[in-house]
Amino acid sequence: MQKKPYSPEFKEQALLKVRQRGAWTIESVAQELNMPFTTLKGWMKERLRKPDLALEGLGRDWFAEQRLQALLESHALSEPELHAWCREKGLFVHQLPKWREDFCKVQASPSQESQAALRELQNQHTQLQRELRYKEKAFAEAAALLVLQKKFQALFGDEGK
């Protein structure tokens, strides 16, 4: 039996169909495309071996908020539920631990820009604290003067005017 040559376009379409298969199995997708299951499975493994192509179009266009939401939604799922959820969202299960690691890495090692911004905010905070203490002292002094003025008026009545 001869191997049936498939065009690169057909291969891409087949892999796209597998990624967006929803509740379908890979075998049912292969049957629909009238091709051997092993060929389709081999293409998928080949795609996963090439890191630059493995996630092409899958999750790369997700924003950080969407990735975080996906991590939260998938956190408590069992293995079969997780696989079904990933198929529904068009993701691979191995992407989720990578995303989780990326989020932890961002939190663990702040960039120089964020450190500079933090220092700037700390300086502003210190300056505002100084201003607040100065104004509190001025307010206390004004209140003390008002109290003294009232006491003076109460003591001397109309004579002080």
N, C-alpha and C. Protein backbone atom coordinates (compact mmCIF):
# COMPACT_ATOMS: atom_id res chain seq x y z
N MET A 1 0.84 -1.18 0.00
CA MET A 1 0.00 0.00 0.00
C MET A 1 0.89 1.24 0.00
N GLN A 2 0.63 2.16 -0.90
CA GLN A 2 1.43 3.35 -1.01
C GLN A 2 0.97 4.40 0.00
N LYS A 3 1.96 5.21 0.40
CA LYS A 3 1.62 6.33 1.28
C LYS A 3 0.93 7.40 0.46
N LYS A 4 -0.12 7.95 1.03
CA LYS A 4 -0.86 9.01 0.34
C LYS A 4 -0.19 10.34 0.67
N PRO A 5 0.29 11.08 -0.34
CA PRO A 5 0.93 12.36 -0.03
C PRO A 5 -0.11 13.41 0.35
N TYR A 6 0.16 14.09 1.43
CA TYR A 6 -0.74 15.15 1.88
C TYR A 6 -0.05 16.50 1.70
N SER A 7 -0.78 17.47 1.27
CA SER A 7 -0.21 18.81 1.07
C SER A 7 -0.01 19.47 2.44
N PRO A 8 0.92 20.42 2.52
CA PRO A 8 1.12 21.14 3.78
C PRO A 8 -0.14 21.86 4.25
N GLU A 9 -0.93 22.35 3.28
CA GLU A 9 -2.18 23.03 3.64
C GLU A 9 -3.16 22.07 4.30
N PHE A 10 -3.24 20.85 3.73
CA PHE A 10 -4.14 19.83 4.30
C PHE A 10 -3.67 19.47 5.71
N LYS A 11 -2.36 19.34 5.87
CA LYS A 11 -1.80 18.99 7.17
C LYS A 11 -2.15 20.07 8.21
N GLU A 12 -2.00 21.33 7.84
CA GLU A 12 -2.33 22.43 8.75
C GLU A 12 -3.81 22.44 9.10
N GLN A 13 -4.65 22.21 8.08
CA GLN A 13 -6.10 22.19 8.31
C GLN A 13 -6.47 21.03 9.24
N ALA A 14 -5.83 19.89 9.04
CA ALA A 14 -6.12 18.72 9.89
C ALA A 14 -5.71 19.00 11.33
N LEU A 15 -4.53 19.60 11.52
CA LEU A 15 -4.07 19.91 12.87
C LEU A 15 -4.96 20.97 13.53
N LEU A 16 -5.42 21.92 12.74
CA LEU A 16 -6.34 22.93 13.26
C LEU A 16 -7.66 22.28 13.70
N LYS A 17 -8.12 21.35 12.89
CA LYS A 17 -9.37 20.65 13.21
C LYS A 17 -9.22 19.84 14.50
N VAL A 18 -8.05 19.24 14.70
CA VAL A 18 -7.80 18.48 15.93
C VAL A 18 -7.81 19.41 17.13
N ARG A 19 -7.19 20.60 16.99
CA ARG A 19 -7.15 21.54 18.11
C ARG A 19 -8.53 22.06 18.47
N GLN A 20 -9.40 22.16 17.48
CA GLN A 20 -10.73 22.73 17.71
C GLN A 20 -11.81 21.65 17.68
N ARG A 21 -11.47 20.45 18.07
CA ARG A 21 -12.40 19.32 17.91
C ARG A 21 -13.50 19.27 18.96
N GLY A 22 -13.38 20.04 20.05
CA GLY A 22 -14.42 20.01 21.08
C GLY A 22 -14.49 18.66 21.75
N ALA A 23 -15.65 18.01 21.71
CA ALA A 23 -15.83 16.73 22.39
C ALA A 23 -15.44 15.54 21.51
N TRP A 24 -15.05 15.78 20.28
CA TRP A 24 -14.67 14.70 19.38
C TRP A 24 -13.32 14.12 19.78
N THR A 25 -13.11 12.87 19.42
CA THR A 25 -11.81 12.24 19.65
C THR A 25 -10.93 12.48 18.42
N ILE A 26 -9.66 12.27 18.59
CA ILE A 26 -8.73 12.43 17.47
C ILE A 26 -9.03 11.38 16.40
N GLU A 27 -9.41 10.20 16.85
CA GLU A 27 -9.74 9.12 15.92
C GLU A 27 -10.95 9.48 15.06
N SER A 28 -11.96 10.10 15.65
CA SER A 28 -13.14 10.49 14.87
C SER A 28 -12.80 11.60 13.87
N VAL A 29 -11.88 12.49 14.24
CA VAL A 29 -11.44 13.53 13.31
C VAL A 29 -10.71 12.89 12.14
N ALA A 30 -9.85 11.92 12.44
CA ALA A 30 -9.11 11.21 11.38
C ALA A 30 -10.09 10.49 10.44
N GLN A 31 -11.12 9.87 11.00
CA GLN A 31 -12.11 9.18 10.16
C GLN A 31 -12.85 10.17 9.28
N GLU A 32 -13.20 11.33 9.82
CA GLU A 32 -13.90 12.34 9.04
C GLU A 32 -13.03 12.83 7.88
N LEU A 33 -11.73 12.96 8.13
CA LEU A 33 -10.80 13.41 7.10
C LEU A 33 -10.37 12.29 6.16
N ASN A 34 -10.85 11.08 6.45
CA ASN A 34 -10.53 9.91 5.63
C ASN A 34 -9.02 9.69 5.55
N MET A 35 -8.42 9.64 6.72
CA MET A 35 -6.98 9.42 6.80
C MET A 35 -6.68 8.54 7.99
N PRO A 36 -5.51 7.89 8.00
CA PRO A 36 -5.17 7.02 9.13
C PRO A 36 -4.97 7.82 10.43
N PHE A 37 -5.48 7.24 11.49
CA PHE A 37 -5.36 7.84 12.82
C PHE A 37 -3.89 8.02 13.18
N THR A 38 -3.06 7.02 12.86
CA THR A 38 -1.64 7.07 13.23
C THR A 38 -0.92 8.24 12.53
N THR A 39 -1.32 8.55 11.30
CA THR A 39 -0.71 9.67 10.59
C THR A 39 -1.02 10.98 11.29
N LEU A 40 -2.27 11.16 11.65
CA LEU A 40 -2.69 12.38 12.34
C LEU A 40 -1.99 12.49 13.70
N LYS A 41 -1.93 11.38 14.40
CA LYS A 41 -1.26 11.36 15.70
C LYS A 41 0.23 11.70 15.54
N GLY A 42 0.85 11.18 14.48
CA GLY A 42 2.25 11.47 14.21
C GLY A 42 2.47 12.95 13.92
N TRP A 43 1.57 13.55 13.18
CA TRP A 43 1.67 14.99 12.90
C TRP A 43 1.60 15.80 14.19
N MET A 44 0.70 15.37 15.08
CA MET A 44 0.56 16.07 16.35
C MET A 44 1.84 15.96 17.18
N LYS A 45 2.43 14.76 17.22
CA LYS A 45 3.68 14.58 17.98
C LYS A 45 4.80 15.39 17.37
N GLU A 46 4.85 15.43 16.03
CA GLU A 46 5.86 16.22 15.33
C GLU A 46 5.71 17.70 15.68
N ARG A 47 4.50 18.17 15.74
CA ARG A 47 4.24 19.57 16.06
C ARG A 47 4.68 19.87 17.50
N LEU A 48 4.46 18.93 18.39
CA LEU A 48 4.85 19.14 19.79
C LEU A 48 6.36 19.13 19.98
N ARG A 49 7.08 18.41 19.12
CA ARG A 49 8.54 18.36 19.23
C ARG A 49 9.20 19.65 18.79
N LYS A 50 8.51 20.44 17.98
CA LYS A 50 9.05 21.72 17.52
C LYS A 50 8.49 22.82 18.41
N PRO A 51 9.29 23.31 19.36
CA PRO A 51 8.76 24.27 20.32
C PRO A 51 8.23 25.55 19.69
N ASP A 52 8.81 25.97 18.59
CA ASP A 52 8.33 27.20 17.97
C ASP A 52 6.98 27.02 17.30
N LEU A 53 6.63 25.78 16.95
CA LEU A 53 5.35 25.53 16.31
C LEU A 53 4.33 24.88 17.24
N ALA A 54 4.79 24.36 18.36
CA ALA A 54 3.92 23.58 19.23
C ALA A 54 2.70 24.35 19.70
N LEU A 55 2.90 25.61 20.01
CA LEU A 55 1.79 26.39 20.55
C LEU A 55 1.28 27.41 19.55
N GLU A 56 1.64 27.25 18.31
CA GLU A 56 1.25 28.23 17.30
C GLU A 56 -0.26 28.39 17.27
N GLY A 57 -0.70 29.57 17.55
CA GLY A 57 -2.13 29.85 17.52
C GLY A 57 -2.89 29.35 18.72
N LEU A 58 -2.22 28.66 19.61
CA LEU A 58 -2.89 28.10 20.77
C LEU A 58 -2.47 28.83 22.03
N GLY A 59 -3.28 29.69 22.50
CA GLY A 59 -2.99 30.34 23.75
C GLY A 59 -2.01 31.50 23.64
N ARG A 60 -1.34 31.62 22.50
CA ARG A 60 -0.40 32.73 22.36
C ARG A 60 -1.13 34.05 22.30
N ASP A 61 -2.31 34.05 21.73
CA ASP A 61 -3.05 35.30 21.60
C ASP A 61 -3.94 35.57 22.81
N TRP A 62 -3.80 34.77 23.86
CA TRP A 62 -4.56 34.99 25.08
C TRP A 62 -3.86 36.06 25.90
N PHE A 63 -4.62 36.99 26.44
CA PHE A 63 -4.08 38.00 27.32
C PHE A 63 -3.82 37.40 28.69
N ALA A 64 -3.03 38.09 29.50
CA ALA A 64 -2.68 37.58 30.82
C ALA A 64 -3.92 37.33 31.67
N GLU A 65 -4.91 38.21 31.56
CA GLU A 65 -6.14 38.02 32.35
C GLU A 65 -6.87 36.74 31.93
N GLN A 66 -6.88 36.48 30.61
CA GLN A 66 -7.55 35.28 30.11
C GLN A 66 -6.79 34.03 30.56
N ARG A 67 -5.47 34.10 30.55
CA ARG A 67 -4.67 32.95 31.01
C ARG A 67 -4.92 32.69 32.49
N LEU A 68 -4.95 33.76 33.27
CA LEU A 68 -5.21 33.60 34.70
C LEU A 68 -6.60 33.01 34.93
N GLN A 69 -7.58 33.48 34.18
CA GLN A 69 -8.94 32.95 34.30
C GLN A 69 -8.96 31.47 33.93
N ALA A 70 -8.22 31.09 32.89
CA ALA A 70 -8.14 29.69 32.48
C ALA A 70 -7.50 28.84 33.57
N LEU A 71 -6.46 29.37 34.21
CA LEU A 71 -5.82 28.64 35.31
C LEU A 71 -6.78 28.46 36.48
N LEU A 72 -7.55 29.50 36.78
CA LEU A 72 -8.50 29.41 37.88
C LEU A 72 -9.61 28.40 37.57
N GLU A 73 -10.12 28.44 36.34
CA GLU A 73 -11.20 27.52 35.95
C GLU A 73 -10.74 26.07 35.95
N SER A 74 -9.51 25.83 35.54
CA SER A 74 -9.05 24.46 35.36
C SER A 74 -8.37 23.88 36.59
N HIS A 75 -8.18 24.69 37.61
CA HIS A 75 -7.41 24.26 38.77
C HIS A 75 -7.97 23.01 39.46
N ALA A 76 -9.25 22.98 39.71
CA ALA A 76 -9.84 21.90 40.51
C ALA A 76 -10.38 20.74 39.67
N LEU A 77 -10.15 20.75 38.37
CA LEU A 77 -10.70 19.72 37.50
C LEU A 77 -9.90 18.42 37.60
N SER A 78 -10.60 17.30 37.49
CA SER A 78 -9.91 16.01 37.45
C SER A 78 -9.26 15.86 36.08
N GLU A 79 -8.44 14.82 35.92
CA GLU A 79 -7.70 14.62 34.67
C GLU A 79 -8.62 14.52 33.45
N PRO A 80 -9.66 13.69 33.46
CA PRO A 80 -10.53 13.63 32.26
C PRO A 80 -11.27 14.94 32.01
N GLU A 81 -11.74 15.57 33.09
CA GLU A 81 -12.43 16.85 32.95
C GLU A 81 -11.50 17.92 32.39
N LEU A 82 -10.24 17.88 32.85
CA LEU A 82 -9.25 18.86 32.39
C LEU A 82 -8.99 18.70 30.90
N HIS A 83 -8.86 17.44 30.44
CA HIS A 83 -8.62 17.20 29.01
C HIS A 83 -9.82 17.68 28.18
N ALA A 84 -11.02 17.41 28.65
CA ALA A 84 -12.21 17.85 27.93
C ALA A 84 -12.29 19.37 27.92
N TRP A 85 -11.98 19.99 29.04
CA TRP A 85 -12.02 21.45 29.13
C TRP A 85 -11.00 22.07 28.17
N CYS A 86 -9.80 21.49 28.12
CA CYS A 86 -8.76 22.01 27.22
C CYS A 86 -9.18 21.85 25.77
N ARG A 87 -9.79 20.73 25.42
CA ARG A 87 -10.26 20.54 24.04
C ARG A 87 -11.30 21.59 23.69
N GLU A 88 -12.18 21.85 24.64
CA GLU A 88 -13.24 22.84 24.42
C GLU A 88 -12.67 24.24 24.19
N LYS A 89 -11.59 24.57 24.93
CA LYS A 89 -10.99 25.90 24.84
C LYS A 89 -9.94 25.99 23.73
N GLY A 90 -9.59 24.85 23.13
CA GLY A 90 -8.58 24.86 22.08
C GLY A 90 -7.17 24.95 22.63
N LEU A 91 -6.93 24.35 23.78
CA LEU A 91 -5.62 24.38 24.42
C LEU A 91 -5.08 22.97 24.59
N PHE A 92 -3.80 22.87 24.91
CA PHE A 92 -3.21 21.61 25.31
C PHE A 92 -3.00 21.64 26.82
N VAL A 93 -3.09 20.48 27.44
CA VAL A 93 -2.97 20.39 28.89
C VAL A 93 -1.59 20.88 29.35
N HIS A 94 -0.55 20.62 28.55
CA HIS A 94 0.80 21.00 28.97
C HIS A 94 1.02 22.51 28.98
N GLN A 95 0.11 23.28 28.41
CA GLN A 95 0.25 24.73 28.42
C GLN A 95 -0.04 25.32 29.80
N LEU A 96 -0.97 24.71 30.52
CA LEU A 96 -1.40 25.26 31.81
C LEU A 96 -0.27 25.32 32.83
N PRO A 97 0.52 24.25 33.02
CA PRO A 97 1.64 24.38 33.97
C PRO A 97 2.66 25.44 33.54
N LYS A 98 2.86 25.60 32.25
CA LYS A 98 3.78 26.63 31.75
C LYS A 98 3.25 28.01 32.11
N TRP A 99 1.95 28.23 31.92
CA TRP A 99 1.34 29.52 32.27
C TRP A 99 1.47 29.78 33.76
N ARG A 100 1.22 28.72 34.56
CA ARG A 100 1.30 28.86 36.02
C ARG A 100 2.73 29.25 36.41
N GLU A 101 3.70 28.60 35.80
CA GLU A 101 5.11 28.90 36.06
C GLU A 101 5.44 30.34 35.67
N ASP A 102 4.92 30.78 34.52
CA ASP A 102 5.17 32.15 34.07
C ASP A 102 4.60 33.17 35.05
N PHE A 103 3.39 32.90 35.56
CA PHE A 103 2.79 33.82 36.52
C PHE A 103 3.61 33.87 37.81
N CYS A 104 4.08 32.72 38.26
CA CYS A 104 4.88 32.69 39.48
C CYS A 104 6.22 33.37 39.28
N LYS A 105 6.80 33.20 38.10
CA LYS A 105 8.09 33.81 37.79
C LYS A 105 7.97 35.33 37.80
N VAL A 106 6.90 35.84 37.25
CA VAL A 106 6.69 37.29 37.22
C VAL A 106 6.60 37.82 38.64
N GLN A 107 5.92 37.11 39.50
CA GLN A 107 5.77 37.56 40.87
C GLN A 107 7.07 37.43 41.66
N ALA A 108 7.86 36.40 41.34
CA ALA A 108 9.06 36.13 42.11
C ALA A 108 10.20 37.09 41.77
N SER A 109 10.34 37.47 40.53
CA SER A 109 11.47 38.31 40.14
C SER A 109 10.97 39.57 39.43
N PRO A 110 10.80 40.64 40.19
CA PRO A 110 10.32 41.87 39.56
C PRO A 110 11.38 42.45 38.62
N SER A 111 10.93 43.05 37.55
CA SER A 111 11.85 43.64 36.58
C SER A 111 12.43 44.93 37.13
N GLN A 112 13.46 45.44 36.47
CA GLN A 112 14.09 46.68 36.92
C GLN A 112 13.13 47.85 36.80
N GLU A 113 12.28 47.81 35.76
CA GLU A 113 11.30 48.89 35.60
C GLU A 113 10.32 48.90 36.77
N SER A 114 9.86 47.71 37.16
CA SER A 114 8.91 47.67 38.27
C SER A 114 9.59 48.05 39.58
N GLN A 115 10.87 47.71 39.73
CA GLN A 115 11.59 48.11 40.94
C GLN A 115 11.77 49.62 40.98
N ALA A 116 12.06 50.23 39.84
CA ALA A 116 12.20 51.69 39.78
C ALA A 116 10.86 52.35 40.09
N ALA A 117 9.80 51.82 39.54
CA ALA A 117 8.47 52.36 39.81
C ALA A 117 8.12 52.22 41.29
N LEU A 118 8.51 51.10 41.88
CA LEU A 118 8.26 50.89 43.31
C LEU A 118 9.03 51.91 44.14
N ARG A 119 10.30 52.14 43.79
CA ARG A 119 11.09 53.14 44.52
C ARG A 119 10.46 54.52 44.42
N GLU A 120 9.99 54.86 43.22
CA GLU A 120 9.35 56.16 43.01
C GLU A 120 8.09 56.29 43.88
N LEU A 121 7.30 55.23 43.92
CA LEU A 121 6.10 55.25 44.75
C LEU A 121 6.45 55.35 46.24
N GLN A 122 7.52 54.67 46.65
CA GLN A 122 7.94 54.77 48.04
C GLN A 122 8.40 56.18 48.39
N ASN A 123 9.11 56.83 47.46
CA ASN A 123 9.54 58.21 47.67
C ASN A 123 8.33 59.15 47.79
N GLN A 124 7.35 58.96 46.90
CA GLN A 124 6.13 59.76 46.96
C GLN A 124 5.41 59.55 48.29
N HIS A 125 5.37 58.30 48.72
CA HIS A 125 4.71 57.97 49.98
C HIS A 125 5.40 58.68 51.14
N THR A 126 6.71 58.64 51.17
CA THR A 126 7.47 59.30 52.23
C THR A 126 7.21 60.80 52.23
N GLN A 127 7.22 61.41 51.04
CA GLN A 127 6.97 62.85 50.92
C GLN A 127 5.56 63.20 51.41
N LEU A 128 4.59 62.40 51.04
CA LEU A 128 3.21 62.64 51.49
C LEU A 128 3.08 62.49 53.00
N GLN A 129 3.80 61.53 53.56
CA GLN A 129 3.78 61.34 55.02
C GLN A 129 4.35 62.58 55.72
N ARG A 130 5.44 63.15 55.17
CA ARG A 130 6.03 64.37 55.75
C ARG A 130 5.03 65.52 55.70
N GLU A 131 4.41 65.70 54.53
CA GLU A 131 3.42 66.78 54.38
C GLU A 131 2.27 66.60 55.36
N LEU A 132 1.82 65.38 55.53
CA LEU A 132 0.73 65.10 56.44
C LEU A 132 1.11 65.45 57.87
N ARG A 133 2.32 65.06 58.31
CA ARG A 133 2.77 65.39 59.67
C ARG A 133 2.85 66.91 59.86
N TYR A 134 3.38 67.62 58.84
CA TYR A 134 3.48 69.08 58.91
C TYR A 134 2.09 69.71 59.05
N LYS A 135 1.14 69.25 58.24
CA LYS A 135 -0.21 69.81 58.28
C LYS A 135 -0.92 69.46 59.59
N GLU A 136 -0.66 68.28 60.12
CA GLU A 136 -1.26 67.91 61.40
C GLU A 136 -0.76 68.81 62.52
N LYS A 137 0.55 69.10 62.48
CA LYS A 137 1.11 70.00 63.49
C LYS A 137 0.51 71.40 63.36
N ALA A 138 0.38 71.88 62.11
CA ALA A 138 -0.20 73.22 61.89
C ALA A 138 -1.64 73.24 62.36
N PHE A 139 -2.38 72.19 62.09
CA PHE A 139 -3.78 72.11 62.51
C PHE A 139 -3.88 72.10 64.04
N ALA A 140 -3.00 71.33 64.69
CA ALA A 140 -3.01 71.27 66.15
C ALA A 140 -2.68 72.64 66.75
N GLU A 141 -1.73 73.34 66.13
CA GLU A 141 -1.38 74.68 66.61
C GLU A 141 -2.54 75.66 66.45
N ALA A 142 -3.23 75.59 65.30
CA ALA A 142 -4.38 76.46 65.07
C ALA A 142 -5.50 76.14 66.06
N ALA A 143 -5.72 74.89 66.33
CA ALA A 143 -6.75 74.49 67.29
C ALA A 143 -6.40 74.99 68.68
N ALA A 144 -5.11 74.90 69.04
CA ALA A 144 -4.67 75.37 70.36
C ALA A 144 -4.87 76.87 70.48
N LEU A 145 -4.56 77.61 69.41
CA LEU A 145 -4.76 79.07 69.44
C LEU A 145 -6.23 79.43 69.59
N LEU A 146 -7.11 78.68 68.91
CA LEU A 146 -8.55 78.94 69.05
C LEU A 146 -9.01 78.67 70.47
N VAL A 147 -8.53 77.60 71.04
CA VAL A 147 -8.91 77.26 72.42
C VAL A 147 -8.41 78.35 73.36
N LEU A 148 -7.17 78.80 73.18
CA LEU A 148 -6.63 79.87 74.04
C LEU A 148 -7.43 81.16 73.87
N GLN A 149 -7.82 81.47 72.64
CA GLN A 149 -8.60 82.69 72.39
C GLN A 149 -9.94 82.61 73.11
N LYS A 150 -10.60 81.45 73.06
CA LYS A 150 -11.89 81.29 73.75
C LYS A 150 -11.71 81.40 75.26
N LYS A 151 -10.63 80.82 75.78
CA LYS A 151 -10.39 80.89 77.22
C LYS A 151 -10.11 82.34 77.63
N PHE A 152 -9.36 83.03 76.79
CA PHE A 152 -9.05 84.44 77.08
C PHE A 152 -10.35 85.27 77.12
N GLN A 153 -11.21 85.02 76.13
CA GLN A 153 -12.49 85.75 76.09
C GLN A 153 -13.37 85.38 77.27
N ALA A 154 -13.35 84.12 77.65
CA ALA A 154 -14.16 83.69 78.79
C ALA A 154 -13.62 84.28 80.08
N LEU A 155 -12.32 84.42 80.20
CA LEU A 155 -11.71 84.94 81.41
C LEU A 155 -11.91 86.45 81.51
N PHE A 156 -11.64 87.15 80.47
CA PHE A 156 -11.68 88.61 80.53
C PHE A 156 -12.94 89.21 79.92
N GLY A 157 -13.77 88.40 79.31
CA GLY A 157 -15.03 88.92 78.76
C GLY A 157 -14.81 89.95 77.70
N ASP A 158 -15.52 91.06 77.82
CA ASP A 158 -15.45 92.10 76.82
C ASP A 158 -14.23 93.01 76.99
N GLU A 159 -13.52 92.91 78.10
CA GLU A 159 -12.36 93.75 78.34
C GLU A 159 -11.24 93.49 77.35
N GLY A 160 -11.11 92.22 76.87
CA GLY A 160 -10.00 91.85 76.00
C GLY A 160 -10.16 92.38 74.59
N LYS A 161 -11.33 92.86 74.27
CA LYS A 161 -11.55 93.30 72.89
C LYS A 161 -11.14 94.69 72.66
